[in-house]
């Protein structure tokens, strides 16, 4: 979870975060497993890692890997464990070679998105993967984005334009996901309804993670994700609230 969104202690994870973690991890694993066949220990950079919820799930699946997490909002840079290292800035990382890069709903905070990606790519191994998730459609920009300090939203075309300026990266897959949430946000914008008026965002979900309500919403989002990715393989791209892009360094 983005540290800008946490105003109180997180007691229950939001269905969006639970679903995104599970679904995105399954997608990333398809690419990660290719390299794990011949190399057991991999290193990741996660730029904008937030509270490390996704990273801990990742390391739970790959128990010999390590994550170098970057987030300017960290109050304490002490390592979470022997396999999670925390930094305020990219420049603090001394290692020069990483197998994977991740930016999950964090590129939108960067004033110069192209230059920031270029800095990360410099440390990415050839044939290594760069994973992105991005908030999409600038016409959906709202008070919510202002509250969490987003500078922009993307779509397939605008992010392709970003990648054209980074010839080291080759796009291998992209798809929108969470059409259901897109429709909710679209209606909120169309009818000028308040979006997150109390600035609680996703950090104050009131239902237990193992409860019926959370499981129901999470299951619906999982299905939404699966359908969108499946259709994208046939060049059918439904609009979603987020975009997933996988790139490879050539």
Protein backbone atom coordinates (compact mmCIF):
# COMPACT_ATOMS: atom_id res chain seq x y z
CA UNK A 1 0.00 0.00 0.00
CA UNK A 2 1.12 3.53 -0.82
CA UNK A 3 2.36 5.21 2.36
CA UNK A 4 0.56 8.41 1.29
CA UNK A 5 -2.72 6.54 1.74
CA UNK A 6 -2.11 5.36 5.31
CA UNK A 7 -3.63 7.69 7.86
CA UNK A 8 -4.20 5.13 10.62
CA UNK A 9 -3.04 1.62 11.38
CA UNK A 10 -4.05 -0.77 8.59
CA UNK A 11 -6.23 -3.40 10.26
CA UNK A 12 -7.85 -5.00 7.21
CA UNK A 13 -6.51 -5.07 3.68
CA UNK A 14 -8.82 -3.69 1.01
CA UNK A 15 -10.14 -6.21 -1.58
CA UNK A 16 -8.44 -4.15 -4.30
CA UNK A 17 -5.05 -4.63 -2.66
CA UNK A 18 -5.61 -8.31 -1.88
CA UNK A 19 -6.74 -9.01 -5.44
CA UNK A 20 -4.04 -6.94 -7.11
CA UNK A 21 -1.32 -8.63 -5.07
CA UNK A 22 -2.53 -12.13 -5.93
CA UNK A 23 -3.29 -11.49 -9.59
CA UNK A 24 -0.24 -9.39 -10.42
CA UNK A 25 2.05 -11.80 -8.58
CA UNK A 26 0.66 -14.65 -10.70
CA UNK A 27 1.38 -12.67 -13.89
CA UNK A 28 4.89 -11.70 -12.80
CA UNK A 29 5.59 -15.31 -11.79
CA UNK A 30 5.12 -16.45 -15.39
CA UNK A 31 8.16 -14.36 -16.31
CA UNK A 32 10.12 -14.84 -13.10
CA UNK A 33 9.86 -18.63 -13.32
CA UNK A 34 11.61 -18.59 -16.70
CA UNK A 35 14.79 -17.32 -15.06
CA UNK A 36 14.38 -19.40 -11.91
CA UNK A 37 14.93 -22.52 -14.00
CA UNK A 38 18.63 -21.75 -14.21
CA UNK A 39 19.25 -19.23 -11.44
CA UNK A 40 17.79 -19.69 -7.96
CA UNK A 41 18.68 -16.38 -6.30
CA UNK A 42 17.27 -13.21 -7.86
CA UNK A 43 17.34 -9.57 -6.84
CA UNK A 44 14.55 -7.04 -7.38
CA UNK A 45 14.24 -3.29 -7.14
CA UNK A 46 10.77 -2.08 -6.23
CA UNK A 47 10.56 1.69 -6.70
CA UNK A 48 7.72 3.12 -4.66
CA UNK A 49 7.37 -0.03 -2.60
CA UNK A 50 5.17 1.49 0.09
CA UNK A 51 4.48 -0.71 3.09
CA UNK A 52 5.98 -3.81 1.39
CA UNK A 53 2.75 -5.81 1.33
CA UNK A 54 3.38 -6.99 -2.23
CA UNK A 55 7.08 -7.57 -1.64
CA UNK A 56 6.45 -9.86 1.31
CA UNK A 57 4.02 -11.89 -0.79
CA UNK A 58 6.65 -12.10 -3.53
CA UNK A 59 9.35 -13.29 -1.16
CA UNK A 60 6.93 -15.79 0.35
CA UNK A 61 6.78 -17.42 -3.08
CA UNK A 62 10.50 -17.09 -3.88
CA UNK A 63 12.21 -17.73 -0.57
CA UNK A 64 15.78 -17.27 -1.82
CA UNK A 65 15.27 -13.90 -3.52
CA UNK A 66 15.77 -10.39 -2.13
CA UNK A 67 14.06 -7.04 -2.66
CA UNK A 68 15.63 -3.60 -2.57
CA UNK A 69 12.71 -1.29 -1.82
CA UNK A 70 12.74 2.44 -2.55
CA UNK A 71 10.29 4.89 -1.01
CA UNK A 72 10.96 8.49 -0.03
CA UNK A 73 8.24 8.18 2.64
CA UNK A 74 10.12 5.61 4.74
CA UNK A 75 10.67 6.99 8.23
CA UNK A 76 13.04 4.19 9.16
CA UNK A 77 15.40 2.63 6.63
CA UNK A 78 16.28 -0.35 8.82
CA UNK A 79 15.97 -3.54 6.79
CA UNK A 80 12.71 -5.40 7.25
CA UNK A 81 14.57 -8.71 7.11
CA UNK A 82 17.73 -10.20 5.67
CA UNK A 83 16.01 -10.25 2.27
CA UNK A 84 14.35 -6.78 2.26
CA UNK A 85 16.49 -3.64 2.09
CA UNK A 86 14.98 -0.16 2.30
CA UNK A 87 16.17 3.09 0.72
CA UNK A 88 14.87 6.63 0.38
CA UNK A 89 16.45 7.16 -3.02
CA UNK A 90 17.61 5.04 -5.94
CA UNK A 91 21.10 6.55 -5.72
CA UNK A 92 21.64 4.89 -2.33
CA UNK A 93 21.66 1.41 -3.85
CA UNK A 94 25.24 0.21 -4.25
CA UNK A 95 24.63 -3.01 -6.13
CA UNK A 96 24.86 -2.67 -9.91
CA UNK A 97 23.02 -5.71 -11.24
CA UNK A 98 19.37 -6.66 -10.75
CA UNK A 99 17.21 -9.30 -12.39
CA UNK A 100 13.87 -7.49 -12.08
CA UNK A 101 12.48 -4.00 -11.60
CA UNK A 102 9.01 -3.11 -10.37
CA UNK A 103 7.04 0.11 -10.29
CA UNK A 104 3.55 -0.60 -9.01
CA UNK A 105 1.37 2.52 -9.09
CA UNK A 106 4.38 4.72 -8.41
CA UNK A 107 5.59 6.09 -11.76
CA UNK A 108 2.79 8.66 -11.67
CA UNK A 109 4.57 10.39 -8.78
CA UNK A 110 7.76 11.05 -10.74
CA UNK A 111 8.16 14.52 -12.22
CA UNK A 112 10.24 13.13 -15.08
CA UNK A 113 8.98 9.59 -15.62
CA UNK A 114 11.25 8.84 -18.59
CA UNK A 115 14.46 9.82 -16.80
CA UNK A 116 13.51 7.87 -13.70
CA UNK A 117 12.92 4.69 -15.69
CA UNK A 118 16.23 5.20 -17.50
CA UNK A 119 18.07 5.35 -14.16
CA UNK A 120 16.52 2.07 -13.06
CA UNK A 121 17.10 0.34 -16.40
CA UNK A 122 20.81 1.05 -16.12
CA UNK A 123 20.96 -1.45 -13.22
CA UNK A 124 18.74 -4.05 -14.90
CA UNK A 125 20.42 -7.15 -16.33
CA UNK A 126 20.05 -7.80 -20.05
CA UNK A 127 16.92 -9.94 -20.61
CA UNK A 128 15.70 -8.92 -17.15
CA UNK A 129 12.07 -7.84 -16.79
CA UNK A 130 10.60 -4.49 -15.78
CA UNK A 131 7.06 -4.74 -14.38
CA UNK A 132 4.67 -1.78 -14.24
CA UNK A 133 1.18 -1.19 -12.93
CA UNK A 134 -0.26 2.26 -13.62
CA UNK A 135 -3.42 4.26 -12.90
CA UNK A 136 -5.08 4.99 -16.21
CA UNK A 137 -7.03 7.55 -18.22
CA UNK A 138 -6.27 11.19 -17.57
CA UNK A 139 -9.96 12.07 -17.84
CA UNK A 140 -10.43 10.13 -14.59
CA UNK A 141 -7.97 12.39 -12.74
CA UNK A 142 -9.78 13.52 -9.60
CA UNK A 143 -9.44 14.79 -6.05
CA UNK A 144 -8.36 11.26 -5.15
CA UNK A 145 -5.25 11.66 -7.32
CA UNK A 146 -4.56 15.04 -5.76
CA UNK A 147 -4.92 13.58 -2.26
CA UNK A 148 -2.36 10.84 -2.90
CA UNK A 149 -0.13 13.27 -4.89
CA UNK A 150 -0.40 11.64 -8.31
CA UNK A 151 0.88 13.90 -11.09
CA UNK A 152 -0.76 12.09 -13.99
CA UNK A 153 -2.60 9.02 -15.20
CA UNK A 154 -1.63 6.91 -18.23
CA UNK A 155 -3.19 4.82 -20.98
CA UNK A 156 -1.72 2.37 -23.48
CA UNK A 157 -0.80 5.09 -25.98
CA UNK A 158 0.74 7.55 -23.52
CA UNK A 159 2.81 4.86 -21.87
CA UNK A 160 3.92 3.54 -25.25
CA UNK A 161 5.15 7.07 -25.96
CA UNK A 162 7.17 6.90 -22.73
CA UNK A 163 8.72 3.58 -23.74
CA UNK A 164 9.67 4.89 -27.18
CA UNK A 165 12.16 7.17 -25.39
CA UNK A 166 13.75 4.17 -23.65
CA UNK A 167 15.05 1.91 -26.46
CA UNK A 168 16.56 -0.54 -23.96
CA UNK A 169 13.07 -1.70 -23.00
CA UNK A 170 10.95 -3.94 -25.22
CA UNK A 171 7.26 -4.27 -24.35
CA UNK A 172 6.19 -7.91 -24.19
CA UNK A 173 2.69 -7.67 -22.69
CA UNK A 174 0.14 -5.06 -21.66
CA UNK A 175 -3.49 -5.11 -20.57
CA UNK A 176 -6.00 -3.04 -18.65
CA UNK A 177 -7.61 -4.56 -15.57
CA UNK A 178 -10.49 -3.85 -13.17
CA UNK A 179 -13.16 -2.73 -15.62
CA UNK A 180 -15.68 -2.82 -12.78
CA UNK A 181 -13.73 -0.20 -10.82
CA UNK A 182 -13.31 1.87 -13.98
CA UNK A 183 -17.09 2.00 -14.37
CA UNK A 184 -17.51 3.12 -10.75
CA UNK A 185 -14.90 5.88 -11.12
CA UNK A 186 -16.33 6.94 -14.49
CA UNK A 187 -19.79 7.35 -12.97
CA UNK A 188 -18.34 9.31 -10.07
CA UNK A 189 -16.66 11.70 -12.49
CA UNK A 190 -19.65 11.96 -14.83
CA UNK A 191 -22.07 12.87 -12.03
CA UNK A 192 -19.54 14.87 -10.02
CA UNK A 193 -19.81 12.57 -7.05
CA UNK A 194 -17.20 12.91 -4.28
CA UNK A 195 -14.32 10.43 -4.49
CA UNK A 196 -12.82 9.55 -1.13
CA UNK A 197 -14.23 12.68 0.62
CA UNK A 198 -12.79 11.64 4.00
CA UNK A 199 -9.31 10.94 2.57
CA UNK A 200 -9.43 7.37 3.84
CA UNK A 201 -8.75 5.79 0.44
CA UNK A 202 -8.11 2.05 0.79
CA UNK A 203 -6.47 2.04 4.22
CA UNK A 204 -9.63 1.84 6.34
CA UNK A 205 -11.52 -1.17 4.98
CA UNK A 206 -13.89 -2.13 7.76
CA UNK A 207 -14.47 -5.81 6.99
CA UNK A 208 -12.24 -8.69 8.07
CA UNK A 209 -9.94 -10.05 5.38
CA UNK A 210 -11.27 -13.58 5.88
CA UNK A 211 -14.89 -12.45 6.08
CA UNK A 212 -17.59 -13.04 3.50
CA UNK A 213 -17.81 -9.43 2.28
CA UNK A 214 -14.09 -9.10 1.63
CA UNK A 215 -13.87 -12.49 -0.04
CA UNK A 216 -16.87 -11.66 -2.25
CA UNK A 217 -15.41 -8.38 -3.48
CA UNK A 218 -11.96 -9.89 -3.87
CA UNK A 219 -13.36 -12.78 -5.90
CA UNK A 220 -15.21 -10.39 -8.22
CA UNK A 221 -12.03 -8.38 -8.79
CA UNK A 222 -10.04 -11.55 -9.44
CA UNK A 223 -12.55 -12.56 -12.10
CA UNK A 224 -12.46 -9.07 -13.59
CA UNK A 225 -8.66 -9.27 -13.81
CA UNK A 226 -8.70 -12.73 -15.41
CA UNK A 227 -11.28 -11.74 -18.03
CA UNK A 228 -9.40 -8.59 -19.00
CA UNK A 229 -6.08 -10.36 -19.40
CA UNK A 230 -7.67 -13.24 -21.32
CA UNK A 231 -9.42 -10.88 -23.75
CA UNK A 232 -6.26 -8.85 -24.26
CA UNK A 233 -4.61 -11.93 -25.80
CA UNK A 234 -7.20 -11.62 -28.58
CA UNK A 235 -6.60 -7.86 -28.98
CA UNK A 236 -9.78 -7.05 -27.08
CA UNK A 237 -8.92 -4.31 -24.60
CA UNK A 238 -11.71 -3.33 -22.25
CA UNK A 239 -11.09 -0.12 -20.30
CA UNK A 240 -9.92 -0.62 -16.73
CA UNK A 241 -8.87 1.43 -13.76
CA UNK A 242 -5.29 0.15 -14.06
CA UNK A 243 -2.79 -0.90 -16.70
CA UNK A 244 -0.24 -3.71 -16.39
CA UNK A 245 2.82 -3.58 -18.64
CA UNK A 246 5.69 -6.08 -18.77
CA UNK A 247 8.91 -5.06 -20.50
CA UNK A 248 12.22 -6.83 -21.15
CA UNK A 249 15.64 -5.24 -21.38
CA UNK A 250 17.16 -5.96 -24.79
